Amino acid sequence: MTYSPDTVVDRLAALFADQGAKSYLGEAVTMAEHMLQGAWLAEQQGESDEIIVGALLHDIGHFAGHLGTFALTDTEDRCHEHSGAALVEDHLPPAVVACIREHVAAKRYLCAVEPSYADGLSRASQHSLRLQGGVMQGDEIARFAQHPHLEAILKVRRLDDAGKEPGQQTPGFEHFAPRVRRLAEAHARRAV
């Protein structure tokens, strides 16, 4: 099936509507609240559309992945970053896809290069870190540091960490939909 920018936006909006009320990994916010908080913070900080949409969609794989959502009782990783990236990689720019695909690796990287970073992780993030391979080591750190979208990925990672405030008011998905549409339209033009 071929997706137009409007179809992509409609599909993502439906995922937020259908799945967004799920609990976010043992945190005191829902999945949608978490992702909307990250996007809202990025917008308030004057970030680019790529960062805002990357923050908005970084955990979309929890909605669309075949392995379901994460739980604190999990004993293996569900690889939501890969299912999320796969969902949008044909429709959004590489920087956005990289932010989705690499936000887990960014947590592992930041734990390696900023030892105090791990101390600020929530209990759920600490648990998932263990399942996701733990702190990066050796050559993996050097390779990740060379990622062409490293700055954007790390920004989205920090927005991910910040988007866990119970009761925080944010706009809904529809507020960010025009940004998603613009990026999808620009990506479609470049793909032609």
C-alpha atoms as a PDB file:
ATOM      1  CA  MET A   1       0.000   0.000   0.000  1.00  0.00           C
ATOM      2  CA  THR A   2       1.265   3.487  -0.880  1.00  0.00           C
ATOM      3  CA  TYR A   3       0.962   6.079   1.847  1.00  0.00           C
ATOM      4  CA  SER A   4       0.445   9.774   1.215  1.00  0.00           C
ATOM      5  CA  PRO A   5       1.608  12.295   3.835  1.00  0.00           C
ATOM      6  CA  ASP A   6      -2.024  12.606   4.987  1.00  0.00           C
ATOM      7  CA  THR A   7      -2.348   8.828   5.286  1.00  0.00           C
ATOM      8  CA  VAL A   8       0.853   8.677   7.352  1.00  0.00           C
ATOM      9  CA  VAL A   9      -0.466  11.361   9.707  1.00  0.00           C
ATOM     10  CA  ASP A  10      -3.848   9.633   9.972  1.00  0.00           C
ATOM     11  CA  ARG A  11      -2.180   6.284  10.733  1.00  0.00           C
ATOM     12  CA  LEU A  12      -0.008   7.806  13.473  1.00  0.00           C
ATOM     13  CA  ALA A  13      -2.974   9.722  14.925  1.00  0.00           C
ATOM     14  CA  ALA A  14      -4.954   6.473  15.066  1.00  0.00           C
ATOM     15  CA  LEU A  15      -2.103   4.743  16.921  1.00  0.00           C
ATOM     16  CA  PHE A  16      -2.027   7.556  19.486  1.00  0.00           C
ATOM     17  CA  ALA A  17      -5.820   7.392  19.879  1.00  0.00           C
ATOM     18  CA  ASP A  18      -5.997   3.602  20.072  1.00  0.00           C
ATOM     19  CA  GLN A  19      -2.866   2.845  22.102  1.00  0.00           C
ATOM     20  CA  GLY A  20      -1.880   6.079  23.853  1.00  0.00           C
ATOM     21  CA  ALA A  21      -3.753   5.459  27.101  1.00  0.00           C
ATOM     22  CA  LYS A  22      -1.564   2.451  27.913  1.00  0.00           C
ATOM     23  CA  SER A  23       0.632   2.755  30.961  1.00  0.00           C
ATOM     24  CA  TYR A  24       4.138   3.934  30.150  1.00  0.00           C
ATOM     25  CA  LEU A  25       6.549   1.268  31.372  1.00  0.00           C
ATOM     26  CA  GLY A  26       5.790   1.546  35.055  1.00  0.00           C
ATOM     27  CA  GLU A  27       5.938   5.363  35.029  1.00  0.00           C
ATOM     28  CA  ALA A  28       3.206   7.670  36.331  1.00  0.00           C
ATOM     29  CA  VAL A  29       2.225   8.805  32.798  1.00  0.00           C
ATOM     30  CA  THR A  30       0.603   7.110  29.822  1.00  0.00           C
ATOM     31  CA  MET A  31       2.459   6.296  26.622  1.00  0.00           C
ATOM     32  CA  ALA A  32       0.842   9.230  24.805  1.00  0.00           C
ATOM     33  CA  GLU A  33       1.506  11.645  27.677  1.00  0.00           C
ATOM     34  CA  HIS A  34       5.167  10.636  27.667  1.00  0.00           C
ATOM     35  CA  MET A  35       5.684  11.186  23.936  1.00  0.00           C
ATOM     36  CA  LEU A  36       3.596  14.360  23.844  1.00  0.00           C
ATOM     37  CA  GLN A  37       5.590  15.792  26.759  1.00  0.00           C
ATOM     38  CA  GLY A  38       8.852  15.205  24.898  1.00  0.00           C
ATOM     39  CA  ALA A  39       7.517  16.870  21.751  1.00  0.00           C
ATOM     40  CA  TRP A  40       6.067  19.791  23.709  1.00  0.00           C
ATOM     41  CA  LEU A  41       9.360  20.360  25.534  1.00  0.00           C
ATOM     42  CA  ALA A  42      11.207  20.297  22.208  1.00  0.00           C
ATOM     43  CA  GLU A  43       8.781  22.835  20.754  1.00  0.00           C
ATOM     44  CA  GLN A  44       9.129  25.080  23.807  1.00  0.00           C
ATOM     45  CA  GLN A  45      12.920  24.919  23.393  1.00  0.00           C
ATOM     46  CA  GLY A  46      12.622  26.047  19.771  1.00  0.00           C
ATOM     47  CA  GLU A  47      13.906  22.790  18.309  1.00  0.00           C
ATOM     48  CA  SER A  48      13.556  21.850  14.635  1.00  0.00           C
ATOM     49  CA  ASP A  49      10.648  19.871  13.229  1.00  0.00           C
ATOM     50  CA  GLU A  50      12.937  16.820  13.057  1.00  0.00           C
ATOM     51  CA  ILE A  51      13.667  16.955  16.797  1.00  0.00           C
ATOM     52  CA  ILE A  52      10.057  17.676  17.736  1.00  0.00           C
ATOM     53  CA  VAL A  53       8.705  14.839  15.591  1.00  0.00           C
ATOM     54  CA  GLY A  54      11.529  12.538  16.698  1.00  0.00           C
ATOM     55  CA  ALA A  55      10.527  13.166  20.323  1.00  0.00           C
ATOM     56  CA  LEU A  56       6.843  12.728  19.461  1.00  0.00           C
ATOM     57  CA  LEU A  57       7.419   9.361  17.772  1.00  0.00           C
ATOM     58  CA  HIS A  58      10.461   7.946  19.576  1.00  0.00           C
ATOM     59  CA  ASP A  59       8.394   5.270  21.358  1.00  0.00           C
ATOM     60  CA  ILE A  60       5.856   4.630  18.589  1.00  0.00           C
ATOM     61  CA  GLY A  61       7.221   1.095  18.338  1.00  0.00           C
ATOM     62  CA  HIS A  62       5.500   0.297  21.628  1.00  0.00           C
ATOM     63  CA  PHE A  63       2.231   0.896  19.778  1.00  0.00           C
ATOM     64  CA  ALA A  64       3.114  -0.915  16.573  1.00  0.00           C
ATOM     65  CA  GLY A  65       5.619  -3.567  17.521  1.00  0.00           C
ATOM     66  CA  HIS A  66       4.684  -7.224  17.279  1.00  0.00           C
ATOM     67  CA  LEU A  67       6.159  -7.866  20.738  1.00  0.00           C
ATOM     68  CA  GLY A  68       3.837  -5.495  22.600  1.00  0.00           C
ATOM     69  CA  THR A  69       4.652  -2.982  25.299  1.00  0.00           C
ATOM     70  CA  PHE A  70       7.380  -3.230  27.911  1.00  0.00           C
ATOM     71  CA  ALA A  71       6.712  -4.250  31.512  1.00  0.00           C
ATOM     72  CA  LEU A  72       8.909  -4.116  34.587  1.00  0.00           C
ATOM     73  CA  THR A  73       8.610  -7.908  34.768  1.00  0.00           C
ATOM     74  CA  ASP A  74      10.194  -8.384  31.319  1.00  0.00           C
ATOM     75  CA  THR A  75      13.318 -10.499  31.128  1.00  0.00           C
ATOM     76  CA  GLU A  76      14.191  -9.686  27.508  1.00  0.00           C
ATOM     77  CA  ASP A  77      14.109  -6.595  25.338  1.00  0.00           C
ATOM     78  CA  ARG A  78      11.156  -6.037  23.016  1.00  0.00           C
ATOM     79  CA  CYS A  79      13.206  -3.922  20.535  1.00  0.00           C
ATOM     80  CA  HIS A  80      10.540  -1.222  20.201  1.00  0.00           C
ATOM     81  CA  GLU A  81      13.082   1.157  18.673  1.00  0.00           C
ATOM     82  CA  HIS A  82      13.398  -1.100  15.614  1.00  0.00           C
ATOM     83  CA  SER A  83       9.666  -1.610  15.089  1.00  0.00           C
ATOM     84  CA  GLY A  84       9.097   2.136  15.496  1.00  0.00           C
ATOM     85  CA  ALA A  85      11.779   3.044  12.967  1.00  0.00           C
ATOM     86  CA  ALA A  86      10.443   0.444  10.527  1.00  0.00           C
ATOM     87  CA  LEU A  87       6.971   1.955  10.798  1.00  0.00           C
ATOM     88  CA  VAL A  88       8.100   5.395   9.588  1.00  0.00           C
ATOM     89  CA  GLU A  89      11.367   4.892   7.680  1.00  0.00           C
ATOM     90  CA  ASP A  90       9.730   5.095   4.244  1.00  0.00           C
ATOM     91  CA  HIS A  91       7.773   8.207   5.169  1.00  0.00           C
ATOM     92  CA  LEU A  92       9.928  10.519   7.288  1.00  0.00           C
ATOM     93  CA  PRO A  93      13.449  11.967   6.942  1.00  0.00           C
ATOM     94  CA  PRO A  94      16.502   9.940   8.008  1.00  0.00           C
ATOM     95  CA  ALA A  95      17.161  12.210  11.025  1.00  0.00           C
ATOM     96  CA  VAL A  96      13.717  11.429  12.488  1.00  0.00           C
ATOM     97  CA  VAL A  97      14.100   7.711  11.792  1.00  0.00           C
ATOM     98  CA  ALA A  98      17.547   7.767  13.434  1.00  0.00           C
ATOM     99  CA  CYS A  99      16.119   9.449  16.548  1.00  0.00           C
ATOM    100  CA  ILE A 100      13.564   6.660  16.841  1.00  0.00           C
ATOM    101  CA  ARG A 101      15.926   3.797  15.999  1.00  0.00           C
ATOM    102  CA  GLU A 102      18.815   5.032  18.161  1.00  0.00           C
ATOM    103  CA  HIS A 103      17.172   6.473  21.289  1.00  0.00           C
ATOM    104  CA  VAL A 104      17.858   3.236  23.184  1.00  0.00           C
ATOM    105  CA  ALA A 105      21.485   3.166  22.030  1.00  0.00           C
ATOM    106  CA  ALA A 106      21.734   6.828  23.073  1.00  0.00           C
ATOM    107  CA  LYS A 107      20.796   5.875  26.642  1.00  0.00           C
ATOM    108  CA  ARG A 108      23.508   3.229  26.651  1.00  0.00           C
ATOM    109  CA  TYR A 109      25.992   5.708  25.157  1.00  0.00           C
ATOM    110  CA  LEU A 110      25.217   8.502  27.616  1.00  0.00           C
ATOM    111  CA  CYS A 111      25.651   6.087  30.522  1.00  0.00           C
ATOM    112  CA  ALA A 112      29.140   5.348  29.184  1.00  0.00           C
ATOM    113  CA  VAL A 113      30.305   8.894  28.461  1.00  0.00           C
ATOM    114  CA  GLU A 114      28.489  10.674  31.313  1.00  0.00           C
ATOM    115  CA  PRO A 115      28.577   8.321  34.318  1.00  0.00           C
ATOM    116  CA  SER A 116      26.237  10.577  36.310  1.00  0.00           C
ATOM    117  CA  TYR A 117      23.600  10.236  33.571  1.00  0.00           C
ATOM    118  CA  ALA A 118      22.646   6.752  34.796  1.00  0.00           C
ATOM    119  CA  ASP A 119      21.864   8.121  38.266  1.00  0.00           C
ATOM    120  CA  GLY A 120      19.045  10.238  36.801  1.00  0.00           C
ATOM    121  CA  LEU A 121      17.332   7.378  34.995  1.00  0.00           C
ATOM    122  CA  SER A 122      13.957   6.286  36.285  1.00  0.00           C
ATOM    123  CA  ARG A 123      13.546   2.802  37.736  1.00  0.00           C
ATOM    124  CA  ALA A 124      11.899   1.610  34.511  1.00  0.00           C
ATOM    125  CA  SER A 125      14.719   3.067  32.383  1.00  0.00           C
ATOM    126  CA  GLN A 126      17.318   1.401  34.578  1.00  0.00           C
ATOM    127  CA  HIS A 127      15.515  -1.936  34.201  1.00  0.00           C
ATOM    128  CA  SER A 128      15.214  -1.594  30.425  1.00  0.00           C
ATOM    129  CA  LEU A 129      18.889  -0.534  30.213  1.00  0.00           C
ATOM    130  CA  ARG A 130      19.889  -3.936  31.578  1.00  0.00           C
ATOM    131  CA  LEU A 131      17.675  -5.701  29.021  1.00  0.00           C
ATOM    132  CA  GLN A 132      18.948  -3.519  26.173  1.00  0.00           C
ATOM    133  CA  GLY A 133      22.597  -4.438  26.579  1.00  0.00           C
ATOM    134  CA  GLY A 134      23.677  -2.253  29.481  1.00  0.00           C
ATOM    135  CA  VAL A 135      26.214   0.540  29.321  1.00  0.00           C
ATOM    136  CA  MET A 136      28.098   0.755  26.003  1.00  0.00           C
ATOM    137  CA  GLN A 137      31.662  -0.481  26.060  1.00  0.00           C
ATOM    138  CA  GLY A 138      34.837  -0.047  24.007  1.00  0.00           C
ATOM    139  CA  ASP A 139      34.557   0.237  20.233  1.00  0.00           C
ATOM    140  CA  GLU A 140      30.761   0.506  20.365  1.00  0.00           C
ATOM    141  CA  ILE A 141      31.129   3.907  22.067  1.00  0.00           C
ATOM    142  CA  ALA A 142      33.496   5.177  19.384  1.00  0.00           C
ATOM    143  CA  ARG A 143      31.248   3.910  16.557  1.00  0.00           C
ATOM    144  CA  PHE A 144      28.134   5.481  18.047  1.00  0.00           C
ATOM    145  CA  ALA A 145      29.947   8.800  18.536  1.00  0.00           C
ATOM    146  CA  GLN A 146      30.408   8.915  14.747  1.00  0.00           C
ATOM    147  CA  HIS A 147      26.683   8.630  13.940  1.00  0.00           C
ATOM    148  CA  PRO A 148      25.770  11.349  11.420  1.00  0.00           C
ATOM    149  CA  HIS A 149      22.670  12.295  13.443  1.00  0.00           C
ATOM    150  CA  LEU A 150      24.289  12.027  16.889  1.00  0.00           C
ATOM    151  CA  GLU A 151      23.309  15.520  18.078  1.00  0.00           C
ATOM    152  CA  ALA A 152      19.638  15.026  17.171  1.00  0.00           C
ATOM    153  CA  ILE A 153      19.562  11.534  18.695  1.00  0.00           C
ATOM    154  CA  LEU A 154      21.005  12.767  22.002  1.00  0.00           C
ATOM    155  CA  LYS A 155      18.526  15.666  22.126  1.00  0.00           C
ATOM    156  CA  VAL A 156      15.618  13.272  21.654  1.00  0.00           C
ATOM    157  CA  ARG A 157      17.070  10.944  24.312  1.00  0.00           C
ATOM    158  CA  ARG A 158      17.152  13.768  26.846  1.00  0.00           C
ATOM    159  CA  LEU A 159      13.593  14.762  25.891  1.00  0.00           C
ATOM    160  CA  ASP A 160      12.605  11.120  26.403  1.00  0.00           C
ATOM    161  CA  ASP A 161      14.055  11.262  29.928  1.00  0.00           C
ATOM    162  CA  ALA A 162      12.286  14.553  30.685  1.00  0.00           C
ATOM    163  CA  GLY A 163       8.852  13.489  29.431  1.00  0.00           C
ATOM    164  CA  LYS A 164       7.657  11.673  32.530  1.00  0.00           C
ATOM    165  CA  GLU A 165       5.889  14.347  34.594  1.00  0.00           C
ATOM    166  CA  PRO A 166       2.486  13.296  35.982  1.00  0.00           C
ATOM    167  CA  GLY A 167      -0.242  15.847  35.291  1.00  0.00           C
ATOM    168  CA  GLN A 168       1.831  17.872  32.794  1.00  0.00           C
ATOM    169  CA  GLN A 169      -0.521  19.550  30.323  1.00  0.00           C
ATOM    170  CA  THR A 170       0.435  19.350  26.650  1.00  0.00           C
ATOM    171  CA  PRO A 171      -1.346  19.700  23.338  1.00  0.00           C
ATOM    172  CA  GLY A 172      -2.560  16.495  21.736  1.00  0.00           C
ATOM    173  CA  PHE A 173      -1.229  14.731  18.653  1.00  0.00           C
ATOM    174  CA  GLU A 174      -3.293  16.990  16.387  1.00  0.00           C
ATOM    175  CA  HIS A 175      -1.163  19.977  17.461  1.00  0.00           C
ATOM    176  CA  PHE A 176       1.955  18.259  16.082  1.00  0.00           C
ATOM    177  CA  ALA A 177       0.275  16.685  13.034  1.00  0.00           C
ATOM    178  CA  PRO A 178       1.141  19.612  10.700  1.00  0.00           C
ATOM    179  CA  ARG A 179       4.837  19.148  11.520  1.00  0.00           C
ATOM    180  CA  VAL A 180       4.612  15.431  10.779  1.00  0.00           C
ATOM    181  CA  ARG A 181       2.802  16.205   7.502  1.00  0.00           C
ATOM    182  CA  ARG A 182       5.433  18.783   6.448  1.00  0.00           C
ATOM    183  CA  LEU A 183       8.253  16.329   7.066  1.00  0.00           C
ATOM    184  CA  ALA A 184       6.409  13.527   5.243  1.00  0.00           C
ATOM    185  CA  GLU A 185       5.734  15.830   2.285  1.00  0.00           C
ATOM    186  CA  ALA A 186       9.368  16.957   2.107  1.00  0.00           C
ATOM    187  CA  HIS A 187      10.577  13.366   2.377  1.00  0.00           C
ATOM    188  CA  ALA A 188       8.199  12.258  -0.403  1.00  0.00           C
ATOM    189  CA  ARG A 189       9.496  15.040  -2.682  1.00  0.00           C
ATOM    190  CA  ARG A 190      13.123  13.995  -2.082  1.00  0.00           C
ATOM    191  CA  ALA A 191      12.274  10.346  -2.768  1.00  0.00           C
ATOM    192  CA  VAL A 192      10.921  11.125  -6.252  1.00  0.00           C
END
